[in-house]
Amino acid sequence: MKVSVLGTGAFGLALASILNENGHTVKMWTKFEEEANYLNQTHTSPNLKNFIIDSKIKISTNFKRTVQGTELVIIAVPAGFVDDISRLLKKEIKNNQHVCIASKGIEQSTCLFVYDVFKKYITSDQVGVISGPSFAVDVIKKVPIGLSLASTNEKTISVIKEALQNKHVKLRETDDILGVEICGSIKNVIAIASGMLDGMGLPISTQAMLITESLNDIKELINALGGNKMTILSFAGFGDLLLTCTSTKSRNFSFGRLIGQNKSQDEINNYIETTTIEGLYTLKSIYKLLKDKKVNMPIIDLINDIIYNNKPASALLTFLVVK
């Protein structure tokens, strides 16, 4: 199978490594010429240490050539760039091509989930969403990884499974695209709070309390927005929440940890400027979405107040007990 991967960040490269391992022809796209040259010449990435990019994986800045003639297109860019990518893809995508969205998050200006941003431009139902506990640095090690695959199109599910599933990658299918997207987005925000607890020196017992309370809240949010609340028990739900909320490999967790450690604003700002923190991007969107939909989720209100309204991180401790 010929597959296009749009985005050459850590997760895009990790997915490309799976595709290559499975014997597929892989073309990748980045809009940065300097990045494309570096990746092609060195076969390494600063985003994935000790990882060698197979020479069979071709990386280009030519969007049309990357997408042309492939059976599957994988979108693996930060949530804020999905609108731009979808605009470009609309001009090139053909009826026989399937799309897999690996990006997670909510667009700030519209409060649309990534799938809905994509659907503004491309109405095809030949699209699936993948989400689950899968740090890129772990994926490239070829250890067992589980992902939720959400789509309403059986052929698309089949194509994505053929592309990505193998002896160490499991894809568990569902038709609850909304539920999977909610889980994949909000877990990054909860991970910030979990990092705050760790930064304050609280043990895993307290983090587990936060995770459990958040599971219940997310379940009710999925239900309120029209998804299947049982999705909370999937790889995209509990699996990803557990991983992101307990690991220093998570940029969202690490960001929250800085706040919990009461680091200087300069140090926090430097981390923000040099790191893609999807949870910080998503927080504004999910906060606005909850207000617009009149859905009550106090943990989001509190995280927002700590980050943007100077409320102390220690307020989390009182919240968890009296909630």
Protein backbone atom coordinates (compact mmCIF):
# COMPACT_ATOMS: atom_id res chain seq x y z
CA MET A 1 0.00 0.00 0.00
CA LYS A 2 1.15 3.56 -0.69
CA VAL A 3 0.64 5.91 2.28
CA SER A 4 1.13 9.64 2.81
CA VAL A 5 1.97 11.02 6.24
CA LEU A 6 1.36 14.75 6.64
CA GLY A 7 3.61 16.01 9.41
CA THR A 8 7.16 15.02 10.36
CA GLY A 9 6.97 15.48 14.10
CA ALA A 10 7.75 12.66 16.52
CA PHE A 11 4.40 10.90 16.20
CA GLY A 12 4.28 11.25 12.42
CA LEU A 13 7.72 9.66 12.18
CA ALA A 14 6.70 6.91 14.61
CA LEU A 15 3.66 6.08 12.46
CA ALA A 16 5.86 6.14 9.37
CA SER A 17 8.16 3.61 11.04
CA ILE A 18 5.19 1.25 11.58
CA LEU A 19 4.07 1.67 7.97
CA ASN A 20 7.58 1.00 6.72
CA GLU A 21 7.92 -2.04 8.97
CA ASN A 22 4.65 -3.36 7.52
CA GLY A 23 6.08 -3.13 4.01
CA HIS A 24 4.15 -0.11 2.78
CA THR A 25 5.55 2.70 0.62
CA VAL A 26 5.72 5.85 2.72
CA LYS A 27 5.86 9.48 1.62
CA MET A 28 6.01 12.24 4.24
CA TRP A 29 5.33 15.96 3.99
CA THR A 30 6.59 18.98 5.89
CA LYS A 31 6.13 22.58 4.87
CA PHE A 32 9.67 23.44 5.98
CA GLU A 33 12.39 22.99 3.35
CA GLU A 34 15.17 23.09 5.92
CA GLU A 35 13.51 20.34 7.95
CA ALA A 36 12.95 18.14 4.90
CA ASN A 37 16.60 18.50 3.87
CA TYR A 38 17.84 17.70 7.37
CA LEU A 39 15.66 14.60 7.73
CA ASN A 40 16.53 13.29 4.27
CA GLN A 41 20.26 13.90 4.65
CA THR A 42 20.84 12.77 8.24
CA HIS A 43 18.03 10.20 8.53
CA THR A 44 17.65 11.37 12.13
CA SER A 45 15.27 13.70 13.95
CA PRO A 46 15.91 15.92 16.99
CA ASN A 47 12.42 14.90 18.14
CA LEU A 48 13.31 11.19 18.38
CA LYS A 49 16.73 10.44 19.78
CA ASN A 50 18.51 7.27 18.62
CA PHE A 51 15.94 6.73 15.85
CA ILE A 52 17.10 6.14 12.29
CA ILE A 53 14.69 7.10 9.53
CA ASP A 54 14.72 4.34 6.91
CA SER A 55 16.03 5.62 3.57
CA LYS A 56 12.93 4.16 1.90
CA ILE A 57 10.81 6.84 3.63
CA LYS A 58 10.76 9.86 1.34
CA ILE A 59 10.24 13.33 2.85
CA SER A 60 9.20 16.30 0.73
CA THR A 61 7.76 19.82 0.88
CA ASN A 62 5.72 19.15 -2.26
CA PHE A 63 2.21 18.57 -0.89
CA LYS A 64 0.63 17.48 -4.16
CA ARG A 65 3.34 14.93 -4.93
CA THR A 66 3.19 13.53 -1.41
CA VAL A 67 -0.57 12.95 -1.50
CA GLN A 68 -0.85 11.90 -5.14
CA GLY A 69 -1.36 8.21 -5.84
CA THR A 70 -1.63 7.02 -2.23
CA GLU A 71 -4.43 4.89 -0.85
CA LEU A 72 -4.23 6.31 2.67
CA VAL A 73 -3.42 9.81 3.92
CA ILE A 74 -2.47 10.19 7.60
CA ILE A 75 -2.77 13.62 9.23
CA ALA A 76 -0.23 13.88 12.05
CA VAL A 77 0.20 17.59 12.76
CA PRO A 78 -0.64 19.60 15.91
CA ALA A 79 -4.34 20.43 16.22
CA GLY A 80 -3.81 24.09 15.40
CA PHE A 81 -2.58 23.22 11.89
CA VAL A 82 -5.34 20.81 10.88
CA ASP A 83 -7.39 23.58 9.28
CA ASP A 84 -4.52 24.56 6.98
CA ILE A 85 -3.79 20.93 6.12
CA SER A 86 -7.45 20.23 5.35
CA ARG A 87 -7.60 23.23 3.02
CA LEU A 88 -4.61 21.91 1.10
CA LEU A 89 -5.90 18.36 1.07
CA LYS A 90 -9.28 19.40 -0.31
CA LYS A 91 -7.57 20.39 -3.57
CA GLU A 92 -5.71 17.10 -3.96
CA ILE A 93 -7.71 14.25 -2.42
CA LYS A 94 -9.39 11.73 -4.72
CA ASN A 95 -12.52 9.64 -4.17
CA ASN A 96 -10.53 6.42 -3.72
CA GLN A 97 -8.33 7.78 -0.93
CA HIS A 98 -8.93 7.18 2.77
CA VAL A 99 -7.85 9.51 5.59
CA CYS A 100 -6.61 8.68 9.07
CA ILE A 101 -6.53 11.57 11.58
CA ALA A 102 -3.84 11.09 14.22
CA SER A 103 -4.02 14.69 15.48
CA LYS A 104 -5.78 15.41 18.77
CA GLY A 105 -7.38 18.57 20.09
CA ILE A 106 -9.96 21.30 19.66
CA GLU A 107 -9.64 24.34 17.41
CA GLN A 108 -9.52 27.49 19.53
CA SER A 109 -11.46 29.86 17.30
CA THR A 110 -14.39 27.52 16.62
CA CYS A 111 -14.24 24.95 19.47
CA LEU A 112 -14.46 22.24 16.80
CA PHE A 113 -12.79 18.89 17.35
CA VAL A 114 -10.16 17.96 14.77
CA TYR A 115 -12.52 15.63 12.86
CA ASP A 116 -15.06 18.45 12.48
CA VAL A 117 -12.36 20.87 11.32
CA PHE A 118 -11.46 18.34 8.63
CA LYS A 119 -15.11 17.88 7.67
CA LYS A 120 -15.49 21.62 7.00
CA TYR A 121 -13.51 21.05 3.83
CA ILE A 122 -13.81 17.35 2.98
CA THR A 123 -17.21 15.69 3.30
CA SER A 124 -16.13 12.14 2.49
CA ASP A 125 -16.95 9.52 5.13
CA GLN A 126 -13.77 7.62 4.24
CA VAL A 127 -12.04 8.96 7.34
CA GLY A 128 -10.97 7.43 10.63
CA VAL A 129 -9.52 8.77 13.88
CA ILE A 130 -6.84 6.99 15.92
CA SER A 131 -6.08 7.74 19.55
CA GLY A 132 -4.60 5.92 22.50
CA PRO A 133 -1.67 5.53 24.90
CA SER A 134 1.24 5.75 22.50
CA PHE A 135 4.23 8.01 23.09
CA ALA A 136 6.27 8.20 19.90
CA VAL A 137 9.44 7.17 21.77
CA ASP A 138 7.68 3.96 22.78
CA VAL A 139 6.13 3.25 19.38
CA ILE A 140 9.53 3.17 17.67
CA LYS A 141 10.75 0.55 20.17
CA LYS A 142 8.21 -1.93 18.72
CA VAL A 143 6.66 -2.70 22.09
CA PRO A 144 2.94 -3.62 22.36
CA ILE A 145 0.77 -0.55 21.71
CA GLY A 146 -3.03 -0.27 21.71
CA LEU A 147 -5.02 2.37 19.80
CA SER A 148 -8.70 3.10 19.35
CA LEU A 149 -9.74 3.41 15.70
CA ALA A 150 -12.98 5.30 15.18
CA SER A 151 -14.81 5.41 11.84
CA THR A 152 -18.27 4.89 10.40
CA ASN A 153 -16.83 3.43 7.19
CA GLU A 154 -15.97 -0.28 7.23
CA LYS A 155 -13.64 -0.02 4.23
CA THR A 156 -11.72 2.80 5.91
CA ILE A 157 -11.35 0.72 9.06
CA SER A 158 -10.01 -2.14 6.94
CA VAL A 159 -7.50 0.10 5.11
CA ILE A 160 -6.18 1.71 8.31
CA LYS A 161 -5.88 -1.67 10.01
CA GLU A 162 -3.97 -3.07 7.05
CA ALA A 163 -1.64 -0.08 7.17
CA LEU A 164 -0.88 0.06 10.89
CA GLN A 165 -1.80 -3.16 12.66
CA ASN A 166 0.88 -5.80 13.21
CA LYS A 167 2.28 -8.12 15.87
CA HIS A 168 2.90 -5.25 18.31
CA VAL A 169 0.23 -2.68 17.31
CA LYS A 170 -3.43 -3.41 18.11
CA LEU A 171 -6.28 -1.29 16.72
CA ARG A 172 -9.61 -1.70 18.49
CA GLU A 173 -12.45 -0.32 16.36
CA THR A 174 -15.46 1.78 17.32
CA ASP A 175 -17.93 4.03 15.51
CA ASP A 176 -17.83 6.66 18.30
CA ILE A 177 -15.67 9.30 16.63
CA LEU A 178 -16.88 12.03 18.99
CA GLY A 179 -16.13 10.04 22.13
CA VAL A 180 -12.64 9.15 20.94
CA GLU A 181 -11.93 12.79 20.08
CA ILE A 182 -13.17 14.06 23.44
CA CYS A 183 -10.94 11.59 25.24
CA GLY A 184 -7.92 12.34 23.06
CA SER A 185 -8.28 16.08 23.61
CA ILE A 186 -9.20 16.50 27.26
CA LYS A 187 -6.67 14.02 28.62
CA ASN A 188 -3.92 16.50 27.79
CA VAL A 189 -5.59 19.10 30.01
CA ILE A 190 -6.03 16.67 32.90
CA ALA A 191 -2.37 15.70 32.51
CA ILE A 192 -1.40 19.30 33.28
CA ALA A 193 -3.23 19.03 36.62
CA SER A 194 -1.62 15.67 37.33
CA GLY A 195 1.78 17.20 36.66
CA MET A 196 0.97 19.97 39.15
CA LEU A 197 0.33 17.36 41.83
CA ASP A 198 3.64 15.67 41.06
CA GLY A 199 5.42 19.02 41.11
CA MET A 200 4.03 19.71 44.57
CA GLY A 201 5.47 16.41 45.77
CA LEU A 202 2.18 14.53 46.02
CA PRO A 203 2.39 10.75 45.58
CA ILE A 204 0.87 8.56 42.87
CA SER A 205 -2.05 7.88 45.24
CA THR A 206 -3.23 11.47 44.86
CA GLN A 207 -2.68 11.39 41.09
CA ALA A 208 -4.80 8.23 40.98
CA MET A 209 -7.54 10.11 42.81
CA LEU A 210 -7.44 12.86 40.18
CA ILE A 211 -7.50 10.33 37.33
CA THR A 212 -10.49 8.50 38.81
CA GLU A 213 -12.49 11.68 39.37
CA SER A 214 -11.61 12.83 35.84
CA LEU A 215 -12.73 9.53 34.32
CA ASN A 216 -16.19 10.07 35.71
CA ASP A 217 -16.29 13.69 34.55
CA ILE A 218 -15.12 12.81 31.03
CA LYS A 219 -17.68 10.01 30.83
CA GLU A 220 -20.46 12.49 31.61
CA LEU A 221 -19.02 15.00 29.14
CA ILE A 222 -19.03 12.41 26.34
CA ASN A 223 -22.64 11.59 27.16
CA ALA A 224 -23.66 15.27 27.30
CA LEU A 225 -22.11 16.01 23.90
CA GLY A 226 -23.76 13.01 22.22
CA GLY A 227 -21.05 10.36 22.27
CA ASN A 228 -20.99 6.88 23.80
CA LYS A 229 -19.97 7.19 27.44
CA MET A 230 -18.51 3.66 27.38
CA THR A 231 -15.71 5.03 25.18
CA ILE A 232 -14.11 6.21 28.42
CA LEU A 233 -13.06 2.57 28.98
CA SER A 234 -11.18 2.34 25.67
CA PHE A 235 -7.53 2.81 24.72
CA ALA A 236 -8.45 6.40 23.80
CA GLY A 237 -10.14 6.92 27.16
CA PHE A 238 -8.73 5.34 30.31
CA GLY A 239 -5.63 4.06 28.52
CA ASP A 240 -4.45 7.42 27.24
CA LEU A 241 -5.52 9.29 30.38
CA LEU A 242 -3.51 6.91 32.57
CA LEU A 243 -0.40 7.21 30.40
CA THR A 244 -0.46 10.98 29.95
CA CYS A 245 -1.23 11.70 33.60
CA THR A 246 1.59 9.61 35.08
CA SER A 247 4.62 10.01 32.82
CA THR A 248 7.32 12.65 32.56
CA LYS A 249 7.48 11.78 28.86
CA SER A 250 4.23 13.74 28.55
CA ARG A 251 4.88 17.38 27.70
CA ASN A 252 1.55 18.31 29.30
CA PHE A 253 2.48 16.53 32.55
CA SER A 254 5.92 18.17 32.50
CA PHE A 255 4.37 21.60 31.98
CA GLY A 256 2.05 21.11 34.94
CA ARG A 257 4.99 19.90 37.01
CA LEU A 258 6.77 23.22 36.48
CA ILE A 259 3.71 25.04 37.81
CA GLY A 260 3.44 22.68 40.80
CA GLN A 261 7.13 23.25 41.57
CA ASN A 262 6.41 26.99 41.61
CA LYS A 263 9.01 27.68 38.92
CA SER A 264 9.54 31.24 37.76
CA GLN A 265 7.27 32.65 35.08
CA ASP A 266 10.32 33.06 32.82
CA GLU A 267 11.10 29.35 33.08
CA ILE A 268 7.47 28.42 32.44
CA ASN A 269 7.26 30.79 29.46
CA ASN A 270 10.47 29.35 28.02
CA TYR A 271 8.98 25.85 28.18
CA ILE A 272 5.83 27.08 26.47
CA GLU A 273 7.84 28.75 23.71
CA THR A 274 10.06 25.75 23.02
CA THR A 275 7.58 22.90 23.45
CA THR A 276 4.30 21.92 21.80
CA ILE A 277 1.88 21.64 24.73
CA GLU A 278 -1.39 20.45 23.22
CA GLY A 279 -3.16 20.59 26.57
CA LEU A 280 -2.49 24.30 26.92
CA TYR A 281 -3.87 24.91 23.43
CA THR A 282 -6.87 22.69 24.15
CA LEU A 283 -7.62 24.22 27.58
CA LYS A 284 -8.89 27.49 26.11
CA SER A 285 -11.04 25.62 23.62
CA ILE A 286 -12.54 23.10 26.02
CA TYR A 287 -13.20 25.83 28.60
CA LYS A 288 -15.12 27.86 26.01
CA LEU A 289 -16.90 24.78 24.65
CA LEU A 290 -18.15 23.80 28.11
CA LYS A 291 -19.50 27.31 28.70
CA ASP A 292 -21.16 27.41 25.29
CA LYS A 293 -22.78 23.99 25.79
CA LYS A 294 -23.63 24.80 29.44
CA VAL A 295 -21.86 21.64 30.62
CA ASN A 296 -20.46 21.73 34.17
CA MET A 297 -16.91 20.40 34.58
CA PRO A 298 -15.29 22.06 37.64
CA ILE A 299 -11.84 20.50 37.15
CA ILE A 300 -11.49 22.38 33.85
CA ASP A 301 -12.58 25.63 35.52
CA LEU A 302 -9.96 25.12 38.21
CA ILE A 303 -7.10 24.30 35.81
CA ASN A 304 -8.03 27.40 33.80
CA ASP A 305 -7.97 29.54 36.96
CA ILE A 306 -4.58 28.19 38.02
CA ILE A 307 -2.98 28.84 34.65
CA TYR A 308 -4.66 32.09 33.64
CA ASN A 309 -6.05 33.68 36.84
CA ASN A 310 -3.17 33.18 39.29
CA LYS A 311 -4.94 30.68 41.49
CA PRO A 312 -2.39 28.56 43.40
CA ALA A 313 -1.83 24.98 42.27
CA SER A 314 -2.47 23.92 45.86
CA ALA A 315 -6.16 24.64 45.24
CA LEU A 316 -6.23 21.22 43.54
CA LEU A 317 -5.80 19.51 46.90
CA THR A 318 -8.87 21.10 48.44
CA PHE A 319 -10.84 20.55 45.24
CA LEU A 320 -10.16 16.82 45.14
CA VAL A 321 -11.41 16.29 48.69
CA VAL A 322 -14.49 18.53 48.68
CA LYS A 323 -15.58 17.93 45.06
